[in-house]
Amino acid sequence: MTELRRELGLFSAALLVVGGIIGSGIFFTPAETARALPTAGWVLGIWTLGGFVALAGALTYAELGAMMPEAGGGYVYVREAFGRLPAFLLGWMTLLLIASGAIAAVAMGFAGYLERFISIDAVGGRIGVASITIVALTITNYLGVKPGTVTANIFTLSKIAALSALIVIGLAVSPGAPPAIVAPTAPPLAQGIAAAFVAVLFTIGGWQQTNMVAGEIRDPERTLPKALAVGIGIVIAVYLGANVVYLKVLGRDGLAASTAVAADTMSRLIGPAGATAITVAAMLSIFGFVNVALLTNARVLYALGQDGAFLPSAGKVHPRFGSPHIALMMLGGWSLVLLLATRGTIGTLLSGVVFADWIFFGLGAASVFVLRRTRPDLHRPYRVLGYPWLPAFFVLSAVVGIISAYVSALKMSLVGTAMLAAGVALYKWRSTAIATNSSAR
């Protein structure tokens, strides 16, 4: 069996958009942006810009996804527009760092939250819990796209409800003036904007993950653009609303000094019970993100295997469950390797993710220009609004994000560059070996 089953409707697809974006970031990156920027106005401005970047990216990917509704998403678009080497590198980096690094880091975040409520020493502490989380969710998705999406839907609805409650309560209740707090002084504005932009890009990334399961969406030409629009609309409303409430309750200085912004906000609004409730919500949100990351990114490896570009067995589908089971085991297994190799150091895992991720975000979006020119005959049930300016804005934003990542995380960006170079060498070696074998016959 090599074909995935089309079992997802608009509801599940839209929630995958939301679940692929809202993970752990909104519970800690607002503090990073407040520390980097001098005033509340600048903080809201950078989040508004981030929302517009996400919208531009989603609308661009909607055209590509409706035009090529295949499993793999960006891998397919890059392959068709720029060739097999860039597409291989996208899959290579997804396995090696982008998805696996994010899965390992966010699983550690989940373990850290769980530790606040129960003792986890018996299972090996945080690393033990993170390992169990990755294994359990890999098995869940191994059993088929339905179990994976049902799990994703439950946790996505939970996080939307919790953040909506925070926003509604925060706008309705007046806790008084924010407490006077001595916060870190913001760096020079240009440097601060770069650091804040990287934090925002990390938090808003993920809408493209629904494109990765386009091969399992019913009527994808119509469903995918609607799902992206609905999902991004929900995310923008939640992110801007949450930041407005954070700033109202804590102030810019209080937000900059906080290490648990949602918990500190709810504690001021309704007391310790509120802080506990939002902490549980954050824990569930993080758990749900790990599930979505495994579900969607395994489809990139599946597409890579289908092409025979790397480990062809990854392109197999389980005859009973209809899942890309080998691709899932590869992704879950390598995530465990990274988790153990770094001893769960979240900063080390994540600092290179934005750099690598946004190279391929930008390249995927740039595919729309190439394919409009080289494949004008393709059926396009949806065309991106504001073409060519909106896609160009997104590609430019991706370039700025990559440069910002080099400025704020040079060491891991260089590691990511070395991984890309290794991928190029591997691809060239494999191509040469295949050509030699063919000529020998």
Protein backbone atom coordinates (compact mmCIF):
# COMPACT_ATOMS: atom_id res chain seq x y z
CA MET A 1 0.00 0.00 0.00
CA THR A 2 1.49 3.37 -1.03
CA GLU A 3 -1.48 5.79 -1.01
CA LEU A 4 -2.54 7.73 2.10
CA ARG A 5 -6.24 7.92 2.94
CA ARG A 6 -8.22 11.18 2.53
CA GLU A 7 -10.01 11.27 5.90
CA LEU A 8 -9.68 14.90 7.11
CA GLY A 9 -12.40 17.54 6.74
CA LEU A 10 -12.39 21.33 7.22
CA PHE A 11 -12.80 21.17 11.01
CA SER A 12 -9.78 18.92 11.58
CA ALA A 13 -7.68 20.73 8.95
CA ALA A 14 -8.36 24.15 10.50
CA LEU A 15 -7.53 22.84 13.97
CA LEU A 16 -4.28 21.38 12.61
CA VAL A 17 -3.38 24.92 11.49
CA VAL A 18 -4.05 26.24 14.99
CA GLY A 19 -2.42 23.26 16.71
CA GLY A 20 0.66 23.51 14.50
CA ILE A 21 1.17 27.16 15.51
CA ILE A 22 0.03 27.49 19.12
CA GLY A 23 2.44 25.40 21.13
CA SER A 24 4.62 26.64 23.96
CA GLY A 25 5.67 29.95 22.39
CA ILE A 26 2.78 32.19 23.45
CA PHE A 27 3.45 31.19 27.06
CA PHE A 28 7.03 32.50 27.10
CA THR A 29 8.06 34.46 23.96
CA PRO A 30 6.01 37.58 24.86
CA ALA A 31 8.48 38.09 27.71
CA GLU A 32 11.35 37.79 25.21
CA THR A 33 9.83 40.48 22.98
CA ALA A 34 9.22 42.76 26.00
CA ARG A 35 12.84 42.38 27.11
CA ALA A 36 14.04 43.23 23.60
CA LEU A 37 11.82 46.28 22.98
CA PRO A 38 11.50 49.54 24.95
CA THR A 39 7.72 50.12 25.11
CA ALA A 40 4.38 48.32 25.02
CA GLY A 41 3.67 49.95 21.67
CA TRP A 42 6.73 48.35 20.12
CA VAL A 43 5.79 44.98 21.62
CA LEU A 44 2.28 45.06 20.12
CA GLY A 45 3.74 46.36 16.86
CA ILE A 46 6.10 43.40 16.44
CA TRP A 47 3.28 40.93 17.19
CA THR A 48 1.01 42.68 14.69
CA LEU A 49 3.78 42.42 12.09
CA GLY A 50 4.15 38.73 12.95
CA GLY A 51 0.44 38.18 12.41
CA PHE A 52 0.62 39.82 9.00
CA VAL A 53 3.65 37.68 8.07
CA ALA A 54 1.73 34.54 9.08
CA LEU A 55 -1.29 35.64 7.05
CA ALA A 56 0.87 36.36 3.98
CA GLY A 57 2.54 32.97 4.30
CA ALA A 58 -0.72 31.11 4.79
CA LEU A 59 -2.38 32.73 1.75
CA THR A 60 0.68 31.94 -0.37
CA TYR A 61 0.78 28.33 0.79
CA ALA A 62 -2.99 28.09 0.19
CA GLU A 63 -2.43 28.59 -3.55
CA LEU A 64 0.35 26.00 -3.58
CA GLY A 65 -1.58 23.48 -1.48
CA ALA A 66 -4.77 23.77 -3.52
CA MET A 67 -2.75 23.43 -6.73
CA MET A 68 -0.69 20.43 -5.52
CA PRO A 69 -2.70 18.67 -2.80
CA GLU A 70 -0.07 16.04 -2.06
CA ALA A 71 1.51 14.76 1.13
CA GLY A 72 4.75 16.58 1.91
CA GLY A 73 3.64 20.20 1.47
CA GLY A 74 6.65 22.46 1.02
CA TYR A 75 8.82 19.54 -0.09
CA VAL A 76 6.58 19.04 -3.13
CA TYR A 77 6.48 22.77 -4.03
CA VAL A 78 10.26 23.20 -3.74
CA ARG A 79 10.87 20.03 -5.77
CA GLU A 80 8.60 21.17 -8.60
CA ALA A 81 9.92 24.75 -8.64
CA PHE A 82 13.63 24.43 -7.83
CA GLY A 83 14.56 20.80 -8.35
CA ARG A 84 15.39 17.74 -6.31
CA LEU A 85 18.46 18.98 -4.44
CA PRO A 86 16.72 21.88 -2.59
CA ALA A 87 13.74 19.58 -1.94
CA PHE A 88 16.04 16.89 -0.55
CA LEU A 89 17.67 19.47 1.73
CA LEU A 90 14.24 20.48 3.04
CA GLY A 91 13.49 16.87 3.97
CA TRP A 92 17.02 16.32 5.28
CA MET A 93 16.82 19.34 7.61
CA THR A 94 13.27 18.46 8.67
CA LEU A 95 14.55 15.12 9.92
CA LEU A 96 17.91 16.29 11.22
CA LEU A 97 16.98 19.50 13.04
CA ILE A 98 13.79 21.40 12.19
CA ALA A 99 11.05 18.98 13.26
CA SER A 100 13.10 16.66 15.43
CA GLY A 101 14.73 19.51 17.36
CA ALA A 102 11.37 21.18 17.98
CA ILE A 103 9.77 17.89 19.05
CA ALA A 104 12.58 17.13 21.52
CA ALA A 105 12.63 20.66 22.94
CA VAL A 106 8.88 20.98 23.34
CA ALA A 107 8.63 17.50 24.90
CA MET A 108 11.15 18.73 27.49
CA GLY A 109 8.95 21.77 28.06
CA PHE A 110 5.98 19.48 28.72
CA ALA A 111 8.06 17.49 31.22
CA GLY A 112 9.01 20.69 33.03
CA TYR A 113 5.36 21.68 33.47
CA LEU A 114 4.34 18.16 34.56
CA GLU A 115 7.06 18.24 37.22
CA ARG A 116 5.22 21.10 38.94
CA PHE A 117 2.31 18.80 39.76
CA ILE A 118 3.74 15.31 40.30
CA SER A 119 7.06 13.67 41.06
CA ILE A 120 8.68 12.35 37.89
CA ASP A 121 11.87 10.91 39.39
CA ALA A 122 10.59 7.33 39.04
CA VAL A 123 10.59 7.59 35.22
CA GLY A 124 13.96 9.32 34.88
CA GLY A 125 13.04 12.94 35.51
CA ARG A 126 12.37 15.39 32.71
CA ILE A 127 14.31 13.46 30.06
CA GLY A 128 12.40 10.31 30.98
CA VAL A 129 9.03 12.03 30.68
CA ALA A 130 10.04 13.69 27.38
CA SER A 131 11.14 10.32 26.00
CA ILE A 132 7.89 8.64 27.04
CA THR A 133 5.91 11.50 25.48
CA ILE A 134 7.67 11.15 22.12
CA VAL A 135 7.29 7.35 22.09
CA ALA A 136 3.59 7.46 23.11
CA LEU A 137 2.66 10.03 20.47
CA THR A 138 4.68 8.25 17.78
CA ILE A 139 2.66 5.11 18.53
CA THR A 140 -0.61 7.10 18.49
CA ASN A 141 0.12 8.43 15.00
CA TYR A 142 1.41 5.01 13.87
CA LEU A 143 -2.15 3.75 14.42
CA GLY A 144 -3.46 6.08 11.70
CA VAL A 145 -4.24 9.69 10.85
CA LYS A 146 -7.60 9.51 12.67
CA PRO A 147 -6.17 8.76 16.14
CA GLY A 148 -3.52 11.42 15.57
CA THR A 149 -5.98 14.11 14.51
CA VAL A 150 -8.52 13.25 17.23
CA THR A 151 -5.72 13.69 19.78
CA ALA A 152 -4.67 16.94 18.07
CA ASN A 153 -8.26 18.26 18.02
CA ILE A 154 -8.81 17.60 21.73
CA PHE A 155 -5.65 19.41 22.79
CA THR A 156 -6.09 22.25 20.28
CA LEU A 157 -9.64 22.96 21.48
CA SER A 158 -8.35 22.90 25.06
CA LYS A 159 -5.65 25.47 24.36
CA ILE A 160 -8.05 27.74 22.44
CA ALA A 161 -10.52 27.60 25.35
CA ALA A 162 -7.82 28.37 27.94
CA LEU A 163 -6.30 31.29 26.04
CA SER A 164 -9.76 32.65 25.21
CA ALA A 165 -10.63 32.55 28.92
CA LEU A 166 -7.42 34.45 29.72
CA ILE A 167 -8.28 37.11 27.13
CA VAL A 168 -11.92 37.51 28.19
CA ILE A 169 -11.09 37.66 31.90
CA GLY A 170 -8.16 39.99 31.25
CA LEU A 171 -10.30 42.42 29.27
CA ALA A 172 -13.21 42.27 31.75
CA VAL A 173 -11.32 42.47 35.07
CA SER A 174 -9.31 45.49 36.19
CA PRO A 175 -6.55 44.39 38.57
CA GLY A 176 -5.27 47.93 39.00
CA ALA A 177 -2.05 49.50 37.81
CA PRO A 178 0.76 47.05 37.02
CA PRO A 179 3.25 46.68 39.88
CA ALA A 180 6.43 48.72 39.68
CA ILE A 181 9.19 46.32 38.65
CA VAL A 182 12.78 46.94 37.66
CA ALA A 183 13.08 45.19 34.31
CA PRO A 184 16.13 44.59 32.11
CA THR A 185 16.99 47.56 29.93
CA ALA A 186 16.15 46.96 26.28
CA PRO A 187 19.12 46.74 23.89
CA PRO A 188 19.63 49.25 21.04
CA LEU A 189 16.45 49.37 18.98
CA ALA A 190 17.78 47.70 15.81
CA GLN A 191 19.27 44.82 17.79
CA GLY A 192 16.12 44.54 19.89
CA ILE A 193 13.86 44.37 16.83
CA ALA A 194 16.01 41.55 15.38
CA ALA A 195 15.82 39.53 18.62
CA ALA A 196 12.09 40.15 19.02
CA PHE A 197 11.41 39.23 15.39
CA VAL A 198 13.16 35.87 15.81
CA ALA A 199 11.02 35.15 18.90
CA VAL A 200 7.83 36.09 17.06
CA LEU A 201 8.78 34.03 13.97
CA PHE A 202 9.34 31.00 16.19
CA THR A 203 5.90 31.50 17.77
CA ILE A 204 3.92 32.07 14.55
CA GLY A 205 5.55 29.31 12.49
CA GLY A 206 3.58 26.16 11.85
CA TRP A 207 0.64 27.03 9.57
CA GLN A 208 2.36 25.15 6.72
CA GLN A 209 2.07 21.87 8.62
CA THR A 210 -1.49 21.38 7.38
CA ASN A 211 -0.15 21.47 3.80
CA MET A 212 1.99 18.47 4.72
CA VAL A 213 -1.15 16.34 5.18
CA ALA A 214 -2.89 17.67 2.05
CA GLY A 215 -2.80 14.11 0.70
CA GLU A 216 -5.19 13.11 3.51
CA ILE A 217 -7.64 16.05 3.27
CA ARG A 218 -10.99 15.56 1.58
CA ASP A 219 -11.60 17.91 -1.38
CA PRO A 220 -8.25 19.67 -0.67
CA GLU A 221 -8.60 22.23 -3.48
CA ARG A 222 -11.43 23.92 -1.56
CA THR A 223 -10.84 22.72 1.98
CA LEU A 224 -7.16 23.67 2.38
CA PRO A 225 -7.46 27.44 1.61
CA LYS A 226 -10.49 27.69 3.94
CA ALA A 227 -8.68 25.79 6.70
CA LEU A 228 -5.63 28.06 6.45
CA ALA A 229 -7.76 31.23 6.50
CA VAL A 230 -9.86 30.09 9.49
CA GLY A 231 -6.87 28.77 11.42
CA ILE A 232 -4.71 31.85 10.90
CA GLY A 233 -7.63 34.12 11.85
CA ILE A 234 -8.01 32.28 15.16
CA VAL A 235 -4.26 32.42 15.85
CA ILE A 236 -3.95 36.16 15.13
CA ALA A 237 -6.92 36.94 17.38
CA VAL A 238 -5.52 34.77 20.20
CA TYR A 239 -1.94 36.06 19.96
CA LEU A 240 -2.82 39.76 19.79
CA GLY A 241 -5.48 39.36 22.48
CA ALA A 242 -3.10 37.55 24.81
CA ASN A 243 -0.39 40.19 24.41
CA VAL A 244 -2.87 43.01 25.04
CA VAL A 245 -3.89 41.31 28.30
CA TYR A 246 -0.30 40.56 29.33
CA LEU A 247 0.64 44.21 28.86
CA LYS A 248 -2.50 45.49 30.56
CA VAL A 249 -2.02 43.32 33.65
CA LEU A 250 1.79 43.20 33.96
CA GLY A 251 2.94 46.27 32.02
CA ARG A 252 5.95 46.21 29.74
CA ASP A 253 8.41 45.96 32.64
CA GLY A 254 6.44 43.24 34.43
CA LEU A 255 6.14 41.27 31.21
CA ALA A 256 9.88 41.60 30.58
CA ALA A 257 10.69 40.37 34.09
CA SER A 258 8.26 37.42 34.05
CA THR A 259 9.35 33.83 33.59
CA ALA A 260 5.77 32.50 33.36
CA VAL A 261 3.74 35.25 31.71
CA ALA A 262 0.37 33.49 31.50
CA ALA A 263 0.56 32.21 35.08
CA ASP A 264 1.65 35.61 36.44
CA THR A 265 -1.16 37.31 34.51
CA MET A 266 -3.88 34.95 35.75
CA SER A 267 -2.49 35.13 39.29
CA ARG A 268 -3.02 38.92 39.31
CA LEU A 269 -6.45 38.58 37.72
CA ILE A 270 -8.08 35.85 39.82
CA GLY A 271 -5.44 34.50 42.21
CA PRO A 272 -3.47 31.23 42.56
CA ALA A 273 -6.28 29.07 41.15
CA GLY A 274 -6.08 31.00 37.89
CA ALA A 275 -2.32 30.55 37.74
CA THR A 276 -2.70 26.80 38.26
CA ALA A 277 -5.40 26.52 35.60
CA ILE A 278 -3.41 28.35 32.93
CA THR A 279 -0.29 26.32 33.82
CA VAL A 280 -2.25 23.13 33.15
CA ALA A 281 -3.46 24.65 29.87
CA ALA A 282 0.11 25.46 28.87
CA MET A 283 1.15 21.89 29.63
CA LEU A 284 -1.67 20.49 27.48
CA SER A 285 -0.87 22.95 24.70
CA ILE A 286 2.73 21.83 24.62
CA PHE A 287 1.74 18.14 24.60
CA GLY A 288 -0.64 18.78 21.71
CA PHE A 289 2.07 20.55 19.71
CA VAL A 290 4.39 17.54 19.97
CA ASN A 291 1.59 15.39 18.54
CA VAL A 292 0.95 17.74 15.60
CA ALA A 293 4.66 18.06 14.83
CA LEU A 294 5.02 14.28 14.62
CA LEU A 295 1.82 13.83 12.59
CA THR A 296 2.59 16.43 9.94
CA ASN A 297 6.36 16.31 9.52
CA ALA A 298 6.38 12.55 9.05
CA ARG A 299 4.57 13.26 5.77
CA VAL A 300 7.60 15.17 4.49
CA LEU A 301 9.78 12.12 5.07
CA TYR A 302 7.07 9.99 3.43
CA ALA A 303 7.19 12.19 0.31
CA LEU A 304 10.99 12.01 0.32
CA GLY A 305 10.80 8.21 0.46
CA GLN A 306 8.15 8.08 -2.28
CA ASP A 307 10.57 9.96 -4.55
CA GLY A 308 13.36 7.53 -3.70
CA ALA A 309 15.49 10.52 -2.74
CA PHE A 310 16.44 9.14 0.69
CA LEU A 311 15.55 5.86 2.45
CA PRO A 312 12.78 4.68 0.08
CA SER A 313 11.20 2.63 2.87
CA ALA A 314 10.00 5.91 4.42
CA GLY A 315 7.53 6.11 1.54
CA LYS A 316 5.64 3.00 2.65
CA VAL A 317 2.12 3.10 4.10
CA HIS A 318 0.98 0.65 6.78
CA PRO A 319 -1.44 -1.81 5.13
CA ARG A 320 -3.84 -1.79 8.08
CA PHE A 321 -3.54 1.67 9.66
CA GLY A 322 -2.89 3.69 6.50
CA SER A 323 -0.13 5.69 8.22
CA PRO A 324 3.42 6.45 6.98
CA HIS A 325 4.64 4.20 9.79
CA ILE A 326 8.32 3.99 8.89
CA ALA A 327 8.60 7.77 8.42
CA LEU A 328 6.96 8.22 11.84
CA MET A 329 9.43 5.84 13.49
CA MET A 330 12.34 7.64 11.81
CA LEU A 331 11.18 11.04 13.04
CA GLY A 332 10.28 9.87 16.53
CA GLY A 333 13.50 7.89 16.82
CA TRP A 334 15.77 10.74 15.71
CA SER A 335 13.94 13.14 18.05
CA LEU A 336 14.86 10.77 20.89
CA VAL A 337 18.49 10.75 19.72
CA LEU A 338 18.63 14.56 19.78
CA LEU A 339 16.91 14.65 23.18
CA LEU A 340 19.47 12.31 24.72
CA ALA A 341 22.48 13.78 22.86
CA THR A 342 21.75 17.30 24.12
CA ARG A 343 20.53 16.07 27.53
CA GLY A 344 17.34 17.97 26.88
CA THR A 345 18.87 21.45 26.74
CA ILE A 346 15.99 23.40 25.21
CA GLY A 347 18.04 26.43 24.18
CA THR A 348 20.51 24.29 22.25
CA LEU A 349 17.70 22.44 20.49
CA LEU A 350 15.70 25.50 19.50
CA SER A 351 18.27 28.14 18.66
CA GLY A 352 19.02 26.57 15.28
CA VAL A 353 15.41 25.72 14.41
CA VAL A 354 14.32 29.24 13.35
CA PHE A 355 17.36 29.62 11.09
CA ALA A 356 16.77 26.33 9.24
CA ASP A 357 12.97 26.53 9.26
CA TRP A 358 12.71 29.94 7.67
CA ILE A 359 15.10 29.13 4.83
CA PHE A 360 12.58 26.59 3.60
CA PHE A 361 9.51 28.66 4.52
CA GLY A 362 10.86 31.33 2.21
CA LEU A 363 11.90 28.88 -0.50
CA GLY A 364 8.49 27.21 -0.40
CA ALA A 365 6.71 30.54 -0.78
CA ALA A 366 9.05 31.59 -3.60
CA SER A 367 7.82 28.50 -5.48
CA VAL A 368 4.62 30.38 -6.29
CA PHE A 369 6.55 32.79 -8.56
CA VAL A 370 8.44 30.03 -10.37
CA LEU A 371 5.40 27.81 -10.87
CA ARG A 372 3.24 30.64 -12.17
CA ARG A 373 5.87 31.14 -14.87
CA THR A 374 6.88 27.55 -15.63
CA ARG A 375 3.57 25.73 -15.00
CA PRO A 376 0.81 28.17 -16.05
CA ASP A 377 -1.29 25.16 -17.15
CA LEU A 378 -1.76 23.81 -13.60
CA HIS A 379 -5.26 24.08 -12.17
CA ARG A 380 -5.34 26.82 -9.52
CA PRO A 381 -8.67 26.73 -7.67
CA TYR A 382 -7.31 29.45 -5.38
CA ARG A 383 -4.92 32.27 -6.27
CA VAL A 384 -3.14 34.21 -3.55
CA LEU A 385 -4.56 37.66 -2.93
CA GLY A 386 -2.26 40.59 -3.62
CA TYR A 387 0.04 38.67 -5.98
CA PRO A 388 2.95 39.37 -6.40
CA TRP A 389 3.30 41.77 -3.47
CA LEU A 390 1.98 39.59 -0.64
CA PRO A 391 4.16 36.54 -1.46
CA ALA A 392 7.14 38.86 -2.03
CA PHE A 393 6.56 40.42 1.41
CA PHE A 394 6.58 36.96 2.99
CA VAL A 395 9.77 35.88 1.20
CA LEU A 396 11.45 39.12 2.28
CA SER A 397 10.29 38.51 5.87
CA ALA A 398 11.85 35.04 5.73
CA VAL A 399 15.17 36.54 4.56
CA VAL A 400 15.05 39.06 7.42
CA GLY A 401 14.29 36.22 9.84
CA ILE A 402 17.30 34.21 8.66
CA ILE A 403 19.60 37.22 9.04
CA SER A 404 18.10 37.93 12.48
CA ALA A 405 18.77 34.32 13.52
CA TYR A 406 22.43 34.72 12.55
CA VAL A 407 22.59 37.91 14.62
CA SER A 408 20.93 36.41 17.71
CA ALA A 409 22.13 32.76 17.54
CA LEU A 410 25.32 32.67 15.48
CA LYS A 411 26.70 29.39 16.84
CA MET A 412 23.64 27.26 16.12
CA SER A 413 23.05 29.02 12.80
CA LEU A 414 26.57 27.95 11.78
CA VAL A 415 25.78 24.40 12.93
CA GLY A 416 22.66 24.51 10.75
CA THR A 417 24.76 25.73 7.82
CA ALA A 418 27.16 22.81 8.33
CA MET A 419 24.19 20.40 8.31
CA LEU A 420 23.02 21.87 5.01
CA ALA A 421 26.50 21.41 3.54
CA ALA A 422 26.54 17.79 4.74
CA GLY A 423 23.17 17.29 3.04
CA VAL A 424 24.53 18.64 -0.25
CA ALA A 425 27.52 16.28 -0.02
CA LEU A 426 25.28 13.29 0.75
CA TYR A 427 22.95 14.10 -2.16
CA LYS A 428 25.85 14.47 -4.61
CA TRP A 429 27.44 11.22 -3.41
CA ARG A 430 24.17 9.31 -3.74
CA SER A 431 23.49 10.76 -7.20
CA THR A 432 26.97 9.74 -8.35
CA ALA A 433 26.53 6.23 -6.93
CA ILE A 434 23.17 5.78 -8.69
CA ALA A 435 24.61 7.04 -11.99
CA THR A 436 27.61 4.68 -11.68
CA ASN A 437 25.37 1.68 -11.00
CA SER A 438 23.14 2.53 -13.93
CA SER A 439 26.06 2.83 -16.36
CA ALA A 440 27.53 -0.46 -15.07
CA ARG A 441 24.35 -2.26 -16.10
